[in-house]
PDB file of N, CA and C in Angstrom:
ATOM      1  N   GLY A   1     105.844 127.279  89.830  1.00  0.00           N
ATOM      2  CA  GLY A   1     105.187 127.320  91.133  1.00  0.00           C
ATOM      3  C   GLY A   1     105.131 125.955  91.782  1.00  0.00           C
ATOM      4  N   GLU A   2     104.332 125.890  92.822  1.00  0.00           N
ATOM      5  CA  GLU A   2     104.191 124.637  93.565  1.00  0.00           C
ATOM      6  C   GLU A   2     103.258 123.656  92.861  1.00  0.00           C
ATOM      7  N   ASN A   3     102.495 124.135  91.906  1.00  0.00           N
ATOM      8  CA  ASN A   3     101.457 123.297  91.316  1.00  0.00           C
ATOM      9  C   ASN A   3     102.050 122.258  90.370  1.00  0.00           C
ATOM     10  N   GLU A   4     101.524 121.050  90.457  1.00  0.00           N
ATOM     11  CA  GLU A   4     101.913 119.969  89.554  1.00  0.00           C
ATOM     12  C   GLU A   4     100.652 119.333  89.005  1.00  0.00           C
ATOM     13  N   LEU A   5     100.812 118.689  87.861  1.00  0.00           N
ATOM     14  CA  LEU A   5      99.679 118.090  87.166  1.00  0.00           C
ATOM     15  C   LEU A   5      99.983 116.622  86.902  1.00  0.00           C
ATOM     16  N   TYR A   6      98.989 115.760  87.143  1.00  0.00           N
ATOM     17  CA  TYR A   6      99.134 114.320  86.935  1.00  0.00           C
ATOM     18  C   TYR A   6      97.999 113.844  86.045  1.00  0.00           C
ATOM     19  N   LEU A   7      98.324 112.994  85.085  1.00  0.00           N
ATOM     20  CA  LEU A   7      97.319 112.369  84.224  1.00  0.00           C
ATOM     21  C   LEU A   7      97.497 110.862  84.285  1.00  0.00           C
ATOM     22  N   TYR A   8      96.427 110.120  84.518  1.00  0.00           N
ATOM     23  CA  TYR A   8      96.518 108.667  84.530  1.00  0.00           C
ATOM     24  C   TYR A   8      95.145 108.060  84.295  1.00  0.00           C
ATOM     25  N   PRO A   9      95.023 106.911  83.642  1.00  0.00           N
ATOM     26  CA  PRO A   9      96.144 106.262  82.943  1.00  0.00           C
ATOM     27  C   PRO A   9      96.536 107.067  81.711  1.00  0.00           C
ATOM     28  N   ASN A  10      97.757 106.924  81.293  1.00  0.00           N
ATOM     29  CA  ASN A  10      98.259 107.647  80.132  1.00  0.00           C
ATOM     30  C   ASN A  10      99.342 106.789  79.479  1.00  0.00           C
ATOM     31  N   PRO A  11      99.040 106.153  78.344  1.00  0.00           N
ATOM     32  CA  PRO A  11      97.885 106.329  77.461  1.00  0.00           C
ATOM     33  C   PRO A  11      96.572 105.826  78.079  1.00  0.00           C
ATOM     34  N   THR A  12      95.474 106.326  77.518  1.00  0.00           N
ATOM     35  CA  THR A  12      94.154 105.903  77.962  1.00  0.00           C
ATOM     36  C   THR A  12      93.288 105.615  76.750  1.00  0.00           C
ATOM     37  N   LYS A  13      92.155 104.950  77.007  1.00  0.00           N
ATOM     38  CA  LYS A  13      91.195 104.694  75.929  1.00  0.00           C
ATOM     39  C   LYS A  13      89.948 105.561  76.072  1.00  0.00           C
ATOM     40  N   ASN A  14      89.464 105.726  77.300  1.00  0.00           N
ATOM     41  CA  ASN A  14      88.198 106.456  77.435  1.00  0.00           C
ATOM     42  C   ASN A  14      88.098 107.396  78.624  1.00  0.00           C
ATOM     43  N   VAL A  15      88.735 107.078  79.732  1.00  0.00           N
ATOM     44  CA  VAL A  15      88.619 107.944  80.905  1.00  0.00           C
ATOM     45  C   VAL A  15      90.006 108.355  81.371  1.00  0.00           C
ATOM     46  N   ILE A  16      90.156 109.641  81.668  1.00  0.00           N
ATOM     47  CA  ILE A  16      91.418 110.138  82.193  1.00  0.00           C
ATOM     48  C   ILE A  16      91.173 110.708  83.591  1.00  0.00           C
ATOM     49  N   ASN A  17      92.030 110.360  84.522  1.00  0.00           N
ATOM     50  CA  ASN A  17      92.008 110.958  85.850  1.00  0.00           C
ATOM     51  C   ASN A  17      93.011 112.101  85.856  1.00  0.00           C
ATOM     52  N   ILE A  18      92.570 113.245  86.320  1.00  0.00           N
ATOM     53  CA  ILE A  18      93.435 114.419  86.388  1.00  0.00           C
ATOM     54  C   ILE A  18      93.605 114.798  87.846  1.00  0.00           C
ATOM     55  N   GLY A  19      94.842 114.803  88.285  1.00  0.00           N
ATOM     56  CA  GLY A  19      95.147 115.207  89.648  1.00  0.00           C
ATOM     57  C   GLY A  19      96.132 116.350  89.633  1.00  0.00           C
ATOM     58  N   TYR A  20      96.120 117.142  90.678  1.00  0.00           N
ATOM     59  CA  TYR A  20      97.010 118.303  90.721  1.00  0.00           C
ATOM     60  C   TYR A  20      97.310 118.644  92.168  1.00  0.00           C
ATOM     61  N   LYS A  21      98.398 119.346  92.357  1.00  0.00           N
ATOM     62  CA  LYS A  21      98.755 119.850  93.679  1.00  0.00           C
ATOM     63  C   LYS A  21      98.483 121.342  93.706  1.00  0.00           C
ATOM     64  N   SER A  22      97.618 121.752  94.600  1.00  0.00           N
ATOM     65  CA  SER A  22      97.324 123.174  94.744  1.00  0.00           C
ATOM     66  C   SER A  22      96.581 123.374  96.052  1.00  0.00           C
ATOM     67  N   ASN A  23      96.754 124.528  96.646  1.00  0.00           N
ATOM     68  CA  ASN A  23      96.119 124.783  97.941  1.00  0.00           C
ATOM     69  C   ASN A  23      94.878 125.651  97.842  1.00  0.00           C
ATOM     70  N   THR A  24      94.771 126.440  96.784  1.00  0.00           N
ATOM     71  CA  THR A  24      93.806 127.535  96.797  1.00  0.00           C
ATOM     72  C   THR A  24      92.691 127.389  95.771  1.00  0.00           C
ATOM     73  N   ILE A  25      92.687 126.303  95.039  1.00  0.00           N
ATOM     74  CA  ILE A  25      91.846 126.265  93.842  1.00  0.00           C
ATOM     75  C   ILE A  25      90.427 125.818  94.158  1.00  0.00           C
ATOM     76  N   GLN A  26      89.456 126.527  93.605  1.00  0.00           N
ATOM     77  CA  GLN A  26      88.095 126.031  93.571  1.00  0.00           C
ATOM     78  C   GLN A  26      87.610 125.832  92.137  1.00  0.00           C
ATOM     79  N   GLU A  27      87.909 126.789  91.273  1.00  0.00           N
ATOM     80  CA  GLU A  27      87.433 126.710  89.893  1.00  0.00           C
ATOM     81  C   GLU A  27      88.623 126.543  88.957  1.00  0.00           C
ATOM     82  N   ILE A  28      88.556 125.522  88.116  1.00  0.00           N
ATOM     83  CA  ILE A  28      89.675 125.171  87.249  1.00  0.00           C
ATOM     84  C   ILE A  28      89.194 125.138  85.813  1.00  0.00           C
ATOM     85  N   GLU A  29      89.930 125.807  84.929  1.00  0.00           N
ATOM     86  CA  GLU A  29      89.626 125.754  83.509  1.00  0.00           C
ATOM     87  C   GLU A  29      90.415 124.615  82.884  1.00  0.00           C
ATOM     88  N   VAL A  30      89.721 123.761  82.123  1.00  0.00           N
ATOM     89  CA  VAL A  30      90.345 122.586  81.513  1.00  0.00           C
ATOM     90  C   VAL A  30      90.212 122.690  80.003  1.00  0.00           C
ATOM     91  N   LYS A  31      91.339 122.541  79.310  1.00  0.00           N
ATOM     92  CA  LYS A  31      91.326 122.539  77.850  1.00  0.00           C
ATOM     93  C   LYS A  31      92.111 121.330  77.359  1.00  0.00           C
ATOM     94  N   ILE A  32      91.652 120.753  76.252  1.00  0.00           N
ATOM     95  CA  ILE A  32      92.418 119.712  75.575  1.00  0.00           C
ATOM     96  C   ILE A  32      92.608 120.137  74.129  1.00  0.00           C
ATOM     97  N   PHE A  33      93.874 120.175  73.709  1.00  0.00           N
ATOM     98  CA  PHE A  33      94.228 120.550  72.340  1.00  0.00           C
ATOM     99  C   PHE A  33      94.755 119.330  71.603  1.00  0.00           C
ATOM    100  N   ASN A  34      94.522 119.287  70.281  1.00  0.00           N
ATOM    101  CA  ASN A  34      95.181 118.259  69.479  1.00  0.00           C
ATOM    102  C   ASN A  34      96.535 118.790  69.012  1.00  0.00           C
ATOM    103  N   VAL A  35      97.244 118.012  68.213  1.00  0.00           N
ATOM    104  CA  VAL A  35      98.617 118.388  67.848  1.00  0.00           C
ATOM    105  C   VAL A  35      98.672 119.599  66.920  1.00  0.00           C
ATOM    106  N   THR A  36      97.548 119.939  66.275  1.00  0.00           N
ATOM    107  CA  THR A  36      97.526 121.142  65.448  1.00  0.00           C
ATOM    108  C   THR A  36      96.930 122.325  66.210  1.00  0.00           C
ATOM    109  N   SER A  37      96.905 122.205  67.542  1.00  0.00           N
ATOM    110  CA  SER A  37      96.478 123.282  68.441  1.00  0.00           C
ATOM    111  C   SER A  37      94.993 123.611  68.344  1.00  0.00           C
ATOM    112  N   GLN A  38      94.204 122.694  67.780  1.00  0.00           N
ATOM    113  CA  GLN A  38      92.753 122.873  67.810  1.00  0.00           C
ATOM    114  C   GLN A  38      92.236 122.547  69.197  1.00  0.00           C
ATOM    115  N   LEU A  39      91.313 123.357  69.688  1.00  0.00           N
ATOM    116  CA  LEU A  39      90.696 123.116  70.992  1.00  0.00           C
ATOM    117  C   LEU A  39      89.631 122.039  70.843  1.00  0.00           C
ATOM    118  N   MET A  40      89.863 120.879  71.473  1.00  0.00           N
ATOM    119  CA  MET A  40      88.963 119.734  71.334  1.00  0.00           C
ATOM    120  C   MET A  40      88.007 119.599  72.523  1.00  0.00           C
ATOM    121  N   TYR A  41      88.359 120.235  73.632  1.00  0.00           N
ATOM    122  CA  TYR A  41      87.538 120.147  74.843  1.00  0.00           C
ATOM    123  C   TYR A  41      87.801 121.384  75.682  1.00  0.00           C
ATOM    124  N   HIS A  42      86.728 121.923  76.267  1.00  0.00           N
ATOM    125  CA  HIS A  42      86.883 123.087  77.136  1.00  0.00           C
ATOM    126  C   HIS A  42      85.774 123.053  78.177  1.00  0.00           C
ATOM    127  N   ASP A  43      86.145 123.168  79.438  1.00  0.00           N
ATOM    128  CA  ASP A  43      85.140 123.167  80.498  1.00  0.00           C
ATOM    129  C   ASP A  43      85.734 123.801  81.748  1.00  0.00           C
ATOM    130  N   TRP A  44      84.865 124.106  82.671  1.00  0.00           N
ATOM    131  CA  TRP A  44      85.274 124.577  83.988  1.00  0.00           C
ATOM    132  C   TRP A  44      84.909 123.521  85.003  1.00  0.00           C
ATOM    133  N   ILE A  45      85.833 123.196  85.883  1.00  0.00           N
ATOM    134  CA  ILE A  45      85.622 122.190  86.919  1.00  0.00           C
ATOM    135  C   ILE A  45      85.609 122.890  88.264  1.00  0.00           C
ATOM    136  N   ILE A  46      84.601 122.599  89.057  1.00  0.00           N
ATOM    137  CA  ILE A  46      84.593 123.070  90.437  1.00  0.00           C
ATOM    138  C   ILE A  46      85.154 121.946  91.289  1.00  0.00           C
ATOM    139  N   SER A  47      86.224 122.236  92.000  1.00  0.00           N
ATOM    140  CA  SER A  47      86.934 121.186  92.716  1.00  0.00           C
ATOM    141  C   SER A  47      87.144 121.596  94.161  1.00  0.00           C
ATOM    142  N   SER A  48      87.098 120.610  95.032  1.00  0.00           N
ATOM    143  CA  SER A  48      87.308 120.879  96.449  1.00  0.00           C
ATOM    144  C   SER A  48      88.779 120.723  96.794  1.00  0.00           C
ATOM    145  N   LYS A  49      89.214 121.382  97.844  1.00  0.00           N
ATOM    146  CA  LYS A  49      90.600 121.254  98.293  1.00  0.00           C
ATOM    147  C   LYS A  49      90.894 119.841  98.774  1.00  0.00           C
ATOM    148  N   GLU A  50      89.856 119.118  99.180  1.00  0.00           N
ATOM    149  CA  GLU A  50      90.085 117.787  99.742  1.00  0.00           C
ATOM    150  C   GLU A  50      90.497 116.779  98.674  1.00  0.00           C
ATOM    151  N   THR A  51      89.897 116.878  97.494  1.00  0.00           N
ATOM    152  CA  THR A  51      90.131 115.835  96.496  1.00  0.00           C
ATOM    153  C   THR A  51      91.299 116.165  95.568  1.00  0.00           C
ATOM    154  N   ASN A  52      91.307 117.397  95.022  1.00  0.00           N
ATOM    155  CA  ASN A  52      92.339 117.791  94.057  1.00  0.00           C
ATOM    156  C   ASN A  52      92.473 116.800  92.908  1.00  0.00           C
ATOM    157  N   ALA A  53      91.336 116.257  92.463  1.00  0.00           N
ATOM    158  CA  ALA A  53      91.344 115.325  91.339  1.00  0.00           C
ATOM    159  C   ALA A  53      89.943 115.268  90.736  1.00  0.00           C
ATOM    160  N   PHE A  54      89.892 114.943  89.458  1.00  0.00           N
ATOM    161  CA  PHE A  54      88.607 114.748  88.801  1.00  0.00           C
ATOM    162  C   PHE A  54      88.813 113.855  87.585  1.00  0.00           C
ATOM    163  N   GLN A  55      87.700 113.373  87.023  1.00  0.00           N
ATOM    164  CA  GLN A  55      87.750 112.472  85.869  1.00  0.00           C
ATOM    165  C   GLN A  55      87.158 113.151  84.652  1.00  0.00           C
ATOM    166  N   LEU A  56      87.718 112.835  83.489  1.00  0.00           N
ATOM    167  CA  LEU A  56      87.151 113.268  82.221  1.00  0.00           C
ATOM    168  C   LEU A  56      86.952 112.059  81.323  1.00  0.00           C
ATOM    169  N   ASN A  57      85.834 112.051  80.597  1.00  0.00           N
ATOM    170  CA  ASN A  57      85.609 111.021  79.587  1.00  0.00           C
ATOM    171  C   ASN A  57      86.109 111.561  78.254  1.00  0.00           C
ATOM    172  N   VAL A  58      87.114 110.903  77.700  1.00  0.00           N
ATOM    173  CA  VAL A  58      87.706 111.356  76.435  1.00  0.00           C
ATOM    174  C   VAL A  58      87.472 110.335  75.323  1.00  0.00           C
ATOM    175  N   SER A  59      86.452 109.495  75.493  1.00  0.00           N
ATOM    176  CA  SER A  59      86.204 108.429  74.517  1.00  0.00           C
ATOM    177  C   SER A  59      85.773 108.985  73.165  1.00  0.00           C
ATOM    178  N   ASN A  60      85.341 110.245  73.121  1.00  0.00           N
ATOM    179  CA  ASN A  60      84.927 110.834  71.843  1.00  0.00           C
ATOM    180  C   ASN A  60      86.118 111.362  71.042  1.00  0.00           C
ATOM    181  N   LEU A  61      87.296 111.376  71.637  1.00  0.00           N
ATOM    182  CA  LEU A  61      88.489 111.844  70.918  1.00  0.00           C
ATOM    183  C   LEU A  61      89.138 110.688  70.161  1.00  0.00           C
ATOM    184  N   GLN A  62      89.647 110.981  68.978  1.00  0.00           N
ATOM    185  CA  GLN A  62      90.303 109.957  68.180  1.00  0.00           C
ATOM    186  C   GLN A  62      91.666 109.626  68.769  1.00  0.00           C
ATOM    187  N   LYS A  63      92.188 108.475  68.352  1.00  0.00           N
ATOM    188  CA  LYS A  63      93.518 108.075  68.799  1.00  0.00           C
ATOM    189  C   LYS A  63      94.542 109.124  68.414  1.00  0.00           C
ATOM    190  N   GLY A  64      95.527 109.302  69.273  1.00  0.00           N
ATOM    191  CA  GLY A  64      96.584 110.242  68.942  1.00  0.00           C
ATOM    192  C   GLY A  64      97.103 110.980  70.156  1.00  0.00           C
ATOM    193  N   LEU A  65      97.881 112.015  69.875  1.00  0.00           N
ATOM    194  CA  LEU A  65      98.533 112.810  70.905  1.00  0.00           C
ATOM    195  C   LEU A  65      97.743 114.094  71.145  1.00  0.00           C
ATOM    196  N   TYR A  66      97.547 114.403  72.409  1.00  0.00           N
ATOM    197  CA  TYR A  66      96.838 115.618  72.795  1.00  0.00           C
ATOM    198  C   TYR A  66      97.617 116.318  73.903  1.00  0.00           C
ATOM    199  N   PHE A  67      97.198 117.546  74.187  1.00  0.00           N
ATOM    200  CA  PHE A  67      97.786 118.295  75.293  1.00  0.00           C
ATOM    201  C   PHE A  67      96.666 118.763  76.207  1.00  0.00           C
ATOM    202  N   VAL A  68      96.774 118.385  77.470  1.00  0.00           N
ATOM    203  CA  VAL A  68      95.797 118.798  78.472  1.00  0.00           C
ATOM    204  C   VAL A  68      96.350 120.019  79.187  1.00  0.00           C
ATOM    205  N   GLU A  69      95.562 121.080  79.219  1.00  0.00           N
ATOM    206  CA  GLU A  69      95.988 122.307  79.898  1.00  0.00           C
ATOM    207  C   GLU A  69      95.013 122.633  81.019  1.00  0.00           C
ATOM    208  N   LEU A  70      95.551 122.859  82.203  1.00  0.00           N
ATOM    209  CA  LEU A  70      94.767 123.333  83.331  1.00  0.00           C
ATOM    210  C   LEU A  70      95.174 124.761  83.640  1.00  0.00           C
ATOM    211  N   ASN A  71      94.187 125.607  83.848  1.00  0.00           N
ATOM    212  CA  ASN A  71      94.452 126.962  84.297  1.00  0.00           C
ATOM    213  C   ASN A  71      94.043 127.033  85.760  1.00  0.00           C
ATOM    214  N   LEU A  72      95.036 127.054  86.642  1.00  0.00           N
ATOM    215  CA  LEU A  72      94.803 127.102  88.073  1.00  0.00           C
ATOM    216  C   LEU A  72      95.024 128.529  88.543  1.00  0.00           C
ATOM    217  N   ASP A  73      93.957 129.315  88.543  1.00  0.00           N
ATOM    218  CA  ASP A  73      94.044 130.666  89.087  1.00  0.00           C
ATOM    219  C   ASP A  73      95.165 131.464  88.422  1.00  0.00           C
ATOM    220  N   GLY A  74      95.273 131.340  87.098  1.00  0.00           N
ATOM    221  CA  GLY A  74      96.261 132.108  86.358  1.00  0.00           C
ATOM    222  C   GLY A  74      97.536 131.343  86.052  1.00  0.00           C
ATOM    223  N   GLU A  75      97.772 130.249  86.735  1.00  0.00           N
ATOM    224  CA  GLU A  75      98.938 129.418  86.424  1.00  0.00           C
ATOM    225  C   GLU A  75      98.521 128.302  85.479  1.00  0.00           C
ATOM    226  N   ARG A  76      99.211 128.203  84.344  1.00  0.00           N
ATOM    227  CA  ARG A  76      98.860 127.193  83.349  1.00  0.00           C
ATOM    228  C   ARG A  76      99.781 125.989  83.466  1.00  0.00           C
ATOM    229  N   LEU A  77      99.161 124.821  83.562  1.00  0.00           N
ATOM    230  CA  LEU A  77      99.905 123.567  83.602  1.00  0.00           C
ATOM    231  C   LEU A  77      99.536 122.764  82.368  1.00  0.00           C
ATOM    232  N   MET A  78     100.525 122.168  81.704  1.00  0.00           N
ATOM    233  CA  MET A  78     100.234 121.396  80.504  1.00  0.00           C
ATOM    234  C   MET A  78     100.954 120.066  80.548  1.00  0.00           C
ATOM    235  N   LYS A  79     100.240 119.011  80.108  1.00  0.00           N
ATOM    236  CA  LYS A  79     100.812 117.670  80.028  1.00  0.00           C
ATOM    237  C   LYS A  79     100.363 117.021  78.737  1.00  0.00           C
ATOM    238  N   ARG A  80     101.235 116.159  78.224  1.00  0.00           N
ATOM    239  CA  ARG A  80     100.875 115.369  77.044  1.00  0.00           C
ATOM    240  C   ARG A  80      99.933 114.233  77.446  1.00  0.00           C
ATOM    241  N   LEU A  81      98.983 113.958  76.561  1.00  0.00           N
ATOM    242  CA  LEU A  81      98.046 112.854  76.760  1.00  0.00           C
ATOM    243  C   LEU A  81      97.991 112.036  75.483  1.00  0.00           C
ATOM    244  N   VAL A  82      98.149 110.722  75.613  1.00  0.00           N
ATOM    245  CA  VAL A  82      98.029 109.843  74.460  1.00  0.00           C
ATOM    246  C   VAL A  82      96.750 109.044  74.579  1.00  0.00           C
ATOM    247  N   ILE A  83      95.965 109.050  73.529  1.00  0.00           N
ATOM    248  CA  ILE A  83      94.731 108.267  73.482  1.00  0.00           C
ATOM    249  C   ILE A  83      94.954 107.136  72.484  1.00  0.00           C
ATOM    250  N   ASP A  84      94.788 105.908  72.976  1.00  0.00           N
ATOM    251  CA  ASP A  84      94.995 104.768  72.099  1.00  0.00           C
ATOM    252  C   ASP A  84      93.694 103.970  71.951  1.00  0.00           C
TER     253      ASP A  84
END
């Protein structure tokens, strides 16, 4: 689809900015998985059409590779995230 997902900074130490392209979204499901597919974070974000971005604090996650998944109204977007 038209939706794209951006993560920055990546790698990060404590805060990740998540941006996306979408026209219709208000409620977004956010999941972060580790490399063994364990769910490490799960929340719902209420987002306005004006910003299309939000911040997450990931300082409680250990160093390593993760996968950030956004569910935008049924469309799933996934990106790799490295925490150093």
